Amino acid sequence: MKRFVNCCYGIFQQLYSLKREILLSFQFVDSATIAFALVIPNFCLNKSI
C-alpha cells in the first residue's frame, strides 16, 4: 500500500510541475487532469502488485 501511495504521489508531483509549465504557455484542459487522476492509481496498482 505504501509503495502504491508513493508511486501515485511521485507521478502526481511530476504532472503538477509539468501542468504549471503548460499553463504558462497555453490553457490546459482540466479534463485531462481528471483523466490522469483516474489513470494513475490504476497504473500504480498494477505496478505494485
PDB file of N, CA and C in Angstrom:
ATOM      1  N   MET A   1       0.829  -1.210   0.000  1.00  0.00           N
ATOM      2  CA  MET A   1       0.000   0.000   0.000  1.00  0.00           C
ATOM      3  C   MET A   1       0.867   1.265   0.000  1.00  0.00           C
ATOM      4  N   LYS A   2       1.935   1.232   0.813  1.00  0.00           N
ATOM      5  CA  LYS A   2       2.815   2.408   0.866  1.00  0.00           C
ATOM      6  C   LYS A   2       3.485   2.648  -0.487  1.00  0.00           C
ATOM      7  N   ARG A   3       3.888   1.557  -1.150  1.00  0.00           N
ATOM      8  CA  ARG A   3       4.509   1.693  -2.476  1.00  0.00           C
ATOM      9  C   ARG A   3       3.529   2.303  -3.463  1.00  0.00           C
ATOM     10  N   PHE A   4       2.271   1.876  -3.354  1.00  0.00           N
ATOM     11  CA  PHE A   4       1.216   2.392  -4.234  1.00  0.00           C
ATOM     12  C   PHE A   4       1.053   3.897  -4.044  1.00  0.00           C
ATOM     13  N   VAL A   5       0.978   4.323  -2.785  1.00  0.00           N
ATOM     14  CA  VAL A   5       0.807   5.746  -2.484  1.00  0.00           C
ATOM     15  C   VAL A   5       2.015   6.548  -2.954  1.00  0.00           C
ATOM     16  N   ASN A   6       3.214   6.040  -2.698  1.00  0.00           N
ATOM     17  CA  ASN A   6       4.430   6.734  -3.127  1.00  0.00           C
ATOM     18  C   ASN A   6       4.495   6.849  -4.641  1.00  0.00           C
ATOM     19  N   CYS A   7       4.080   5.799  -5.327  1.00  0.00           N
ATOM     20  CA  CYS A   7       4.067   5.798  -6.793  1.00  0.00           C
ATOM     21  C   CYS A   7       3.142   6.890  -7.305  1.00  0.00           C
ATOM     22  N   CYS A   8       1.918   6.914  -6.797  1.00  0.00           N
ATOM     23  CA  CYS A   8       0.940   7.920  -7.226  1.00  0.00           C
ATOM     24  C   CYS A   8       1.429   9.325  -6.900  1.00  0.00           C
ATOM     25  N   TYR A   9       1.941   9.480  -5.689  1.00  0.00           N
ATOM     26  CA  TYR A   9       2.388  10.797  -5.244  1.00  0.00           C
ATOM     27  C   TYR A   9       3.508  11.318  -6.136  1.00  0.00           C
ATOM     28  N   GLY A  10       4.442  10.441  -6.472  1.00  0.00           N
ATOM     29  CA  GLY A  10       5.552  10.837  -7.328  1.00  0.00           C
ATOM     30  C   GLY A  10       5.089  11.281  -8.703  1.00  0.00           C
ATOM     31  N   ILE A  11       4.175  10.502  -9.290  1.00  0.00           N
ATOM     32  CA  ILE A  11       3.681  10.843 -10.626  1.00  0.00           C
ATOM     33  C   ILE A  11       2.873  12.136 -10.580  1.00  0.00           C
ATOM     34  N   PHE A  12       2.024  12.278  -9.552  1.00  0.00           N
ATOM     35  CA  PHE A  12       1.222  13.497  -9.438  1.00  0.00           C
ATOM     36  C   PHE A  12       2.112  14.728  -9.301  1.00  0.00           C
ATOM     37  N   GLN A  13       3.190  14.613  -8.545  1.00  0.00           N
ATOM     38  CA  GLN A  13       4.109  15.745  -8.379  1.00  0.00           C
ATOM     39  C   GLN A  13       4.739  16.127  -9.711  1.00  0.00           C
ATOM     40  N   GLN A  14       5.167  15.120 -10.478  1.00  0.00           N
ATOM     41  CA  GLN A  14       5.771  15.389 -11.784  1.00  0.00           C
ATOM     42  C   GLN A  14       4.756  16.039 -12.711  1.00  0.00           C
ATOM     43  N   LEU A  15       3.530  15.509 -12.714  1.00  0.00           N
ATOM     44  CA  LEU A  15       2.485  16.058 -13.569  1.00  0.00           C
ATOM     45  C   LEU A  15       2.146  17.484 -13.171  1.00  0.00           C
ATOM     46  N   TYR A  16       2.119  17.740 -11.867  1.00  0.00           N
ATOM     47  CA  TYR A  16       1.749  19.069 -11.400  1.00  0.00           C
ATOM     48  C   TYR A  16       2.749  20.113 -11.875  1.00  0.00           C
ATOM     49  N   SER A  17       4.036  19.791 -11.788  1.00  0.00           N
ATOM     50  CA  SER A  17       5.038  20.752 -12.239  1.00  0.00           C
ATOM     51  C   SER A  17       4.980  20.913 -13.757  1.00  0.00           C
ATOM     52  N   LEU A  18       4.687  19.816 -14.463  1.00  0.00           N
ATOM     53  CA  LEU A  18       4.510  19.895 -15.912  1.00  0.00           C
ATOM     54  C   LEU A  18       3.311  20.764 -16.248  1.00  0.00           C
ATOM     55  N   LYS A  19       2.211  20.528 -15.527  1.00  0.00           N
ATOM     56  CA  LYS A  19       0.985  21.260 -15.804  1.00  0.00           C
ATOM     57  C   LYS A  19       1.184  22.751 -15.600  1.00  0.00           C
ATOM     58  N   ARG A  20       1.940  23.113 -14.554  1.00  0.00           N
ATOM     59  CA  ARG A  20       2.203  24.525 -14.296  1.00  0.00           C
ATOM     60  C   ARG A  20       2.920  25.161 -15.477  1.00  0.00           C
ATOM     61  N   GLU A  21       3.891  24.436 -16.044  1.00  0.00           N
ATOM     62  CA  GLU A  21       4.626  24.963 -17.196  1.00  0.00           C
ATOM     63  C   GLU A  21       3.719  25.069 -18.414  1.00  0.00           C
ATOM     64  N   ILE A  22       2.868  24.051 -18.600  1.00  0.00           N
ATOM     65  CA  ILE A  22       1.940  24.057 -19.735  1.00  0.00           C
ATOM     66  C   ILE A  22       0.962  25.222 -19.606  1.00  0.00           C
ATOM     67  N   LEU A  23       0.470  25.447 -18.389  1.00  0.00           N
ATOM     68  CA  LEU A  23      -0.485  26.530 -18.142  1.00  0.00           C
ATOM     69  C   LEU A  23       0.106  27.882 -18.505  1.00  0.00           C
ATOM     70  N   LEU A  24       1.414  28.025 -18.319  1.00  0.00           N
ATOM     71  CA  LEU A  24       2.056  29.286 -18.641  1.00  0.00           C
ATOM     72  C   LEU A  24       2.083  29.505 -20.150  1.00  0.00           C
ATOM     73  N   SER A  25       2.206  28.421 -20.918  1.00  0.00           N
ATOM     74  CA  SER A  25       2.275  28.571 -22.364  1.00  0.00           C
ATOM     75  C   SER A  25       0.904  28.583 -23.032  1.00  0.00           C
ATOM     76  N   PHE A  26       0.007  27.695 -22.620  1.00  0.00           N
ATOM     77  CA  PHE A  26      -1.357  27.743 -23.140  1.00  0.00           C
ATOM     78  C   PHE A  26      -2.346  27.134 -22.161  1.00  0.00           C
ATOM     79  N   GLN A  27      -3.629  27.356 -22.405  1.00  0.00           N
ATOM     80  CA  GLN A  27      -4.658  26.876 -21.485  1.00  0.00           C
ATOM     81  C   GLN A  27      -4.697  25.362 -21.486  1.00  0.00           C
ATOM     82  N   PHE A  28      -4.511  24.799 -20.313  1.00  0.00           N
ATOM     83  CA  PHE A  28      -4.519  23.350 -20.166  1.00  0.00           C
ATOM     84  C   PHE A  28      -5.918  22.900 -19.770  1.00  0.00           C
ATOM     85  N   VAL A  29      -6.430  21.913 -20.469  1.00  0.00           N
ATOM     86  CA  VAL A  29      -7.788  21.441 -20.204  1.00  0.00           C
ATOM     87  C   VAL A  29      -7.814  20.633 -18.910  1.00  0.00           C
ATOM     88  N   ASP A  30      -8.732  20.998 -18.017  1.00  0.00           N
ATOM     89  CA  ASP A  30      -8.794  20.322 -16.729  1.00  0.00           C
ATOM     90  C   ASP A  30      -9.320  18.898 -16.827  1.00  0.00           C
ATOM     91  N   SER A  31     -10.023  18.583 -17.909  1.00  0.00           N
ATOM     92  CA  SER A  31     -10.500  17.206 -18.076  1.00  0.00           C
ATOM     93  C   SER A  31      -9.324  16.250 -18.219  1.00  0.00           C
ATOM     94  N   ALA A  32      -8.209  16.746 -18.740  1.00  0.00           N
ATOM     95  CA  ALA A  32      -7.003  15.926 -18.841  1.00  0.00           C
ATOM     96  C   ALA A  32      -6.480  15.599 -17.443  1.00  0.00           C
ATOM     97  N   THR A  33      -6.575  16.559 -16.546  1.00  0.00           N
ATOM     98  CA  THR A  33      -6.150  16.328 -15.165  1.00  0.00           C
ATOM     99  C   THR A  33      -7.012  15.254 -14.520  1.00  0.00           C
ATOM    100  N   ILE A  34      -8.317  15.322 -14.783  1.00  0.00           N
ATOM    101  CA  ILE A  34      -9.244  14.328 -14.236  1.00  0.00           C
ATOM    102  C   ILE A  34      -8.932  12.951 -14.806  1.00  0.00           C
ATOM    103  N   ALA A  35      -8.643  12.905 -16.095  1.00  0.00           N
ATOM    104  CA  ALA A  35      -8.300  11.630 -16.733  1.00  0.00           C
ATOM    105  C   ALA A  35      -7.048  11.038 -16.089  1.00  0.00           C
ATOM    106  N   PHE A  36      -6.035  11.879 -15.876  1.00  0.00           N
ATOM    107  CA  PHE A  36      -4.810  11.417 -15.223  1.00  0.00           C
ATOM    108  C   PHE A  36      -5.100  10.914 -13.817  1.00  0.00           C
ATOM    109  N   ALA A  37      -5.989  11.614 -13.114  1.00  0.00           N
ATOM    110  CA  ALA A  37      -6.325  11.236 -11.742  1.00  0.00           C
ATOM    111  C   ALA A  37      -6.956   9.848 -11.701  1.00  0.00           C
ATOM    112  N   LEU A  38      -7.627   9.456 -12.784  1.00  0.00           N
ATOM    113  CA  LEU A  38      -8.242   8.133 -12.848  1.00  0.00           C
ATOM    114  C   LEU A  38      -7.249   7.081 -13.322  1.00  0.00           C
ATOM    115  N   VAL A  39      -6.367   7.462 -14.224  1.00  0.00           N
ATOM    116  CA  VAL A  39      -5.441   6.504 -14.831  1.00  0.00           C
ATOM    117  C   VAL A  39      -4.273   6.160 -13.907  1.00  0.00           C
ATOM    118  N   ILE A  40      -3.713   7.171 -13.251  1.00  0.00           N
ATOM    119  CA  ILE A  40      -2.511   6.965 -12.439  1.00  0.00           C
ATOM    120  C   ILE A  40      -2.698   5.933 -11.327  1.00  0.00           C
ATOM    121  N   PRO A  41      -3.781   6.019 -10.518  1.00  0.00           N
ATOM    122  CA  PRO A  41      -3.943   4.999  -9.472  1.00  0.00           C
ATOM    123  C   PRO A  41      -4.003   3.585 -10.034  1.00  0.00           C
ATOM    124  N   ASN A  42      -4.667   3.396 -11.175  1.00  0.00           N
ATOM    125  CA  ASN A  42      -4.728   2.072 -11.798  1.00  0.00           C
ATOM    126  C   ASN A  42      -3.349   1.600 -12.218  1.00  0.00           C
ATOM    127  N   PHE A  43      -2.582   2.501 -12.816  1.00  0.00           N
ATOM    128  CA  PHE A  43      -1.228   2.186 -13.250  1.00  0.00           C
ATOM    129  C   PHE A  43      -0.369   1.769 -12.059  1.00  0.00           C
ATOM    130  N   CYS A  44      -0.461   2.532 -10.982  1.00  0.00           N
ATOM    131  CA  CYS A  44       0.340   2.245  -9.794  1.00  0.00           C
ATOM    132  C   CYS A  44      -0.101   0.947  -9.134  1.00  0.00           C
ATOM    133  N   LEU A  45      -1.393   0.699  -9.147  1.00  0.00           N
ATOM    134  CA  LEU A  45      -1.925  -0.514  -8.543  1.00  0.00           C
ATOM    135  C   LEU A  45      -1.368  -1.733  -9.264  1.00  0.00           C
ATOM    136  N   ASN A  46      -1.380  -1.697 -10.583  1.00  0.00           N
ATOM    137  CA  ASN A  46      -0.858  -2.807 -11.382  1.00  0.00           C
ATOM    138  C   ASN A  46       0.634  -2.989 -11.151  1.00  0.00           C
ATOM    139  N   LYS A  47       1.345  -1.888 -10.982  1.00  0.00           N
ATOM    140  CA  LYS A  47       2.789  -1.928 -10.818  1.00  0.00           C
ATOM    141  C   LYS A  47       3.196  -2.477  -9.454  1.00  0.00           C
ATOM    142  N   SER A  48       2.396  -2.169  -8.435  1.00  0.00           N
ATOM    143  CA  SER A  48       2.789  -2.544  -7.076  1.00  0.00           C
ATOM    144  C   SER A  48       2.364  -3.964  -6.711  1.00  0.00           C
ATOM    145  N   ILE A  49       1.477  -4.553  -7.495  1.00  0.00           N
ATOM    146  CA  ILE A  49       1.018  -5.924  -7.194  1.00  0.00           C
ATOM    147  C   ILE A  49       2.014  -6.940  -7.764  1.00  0.00           C
TER     148      ILE A  49
END
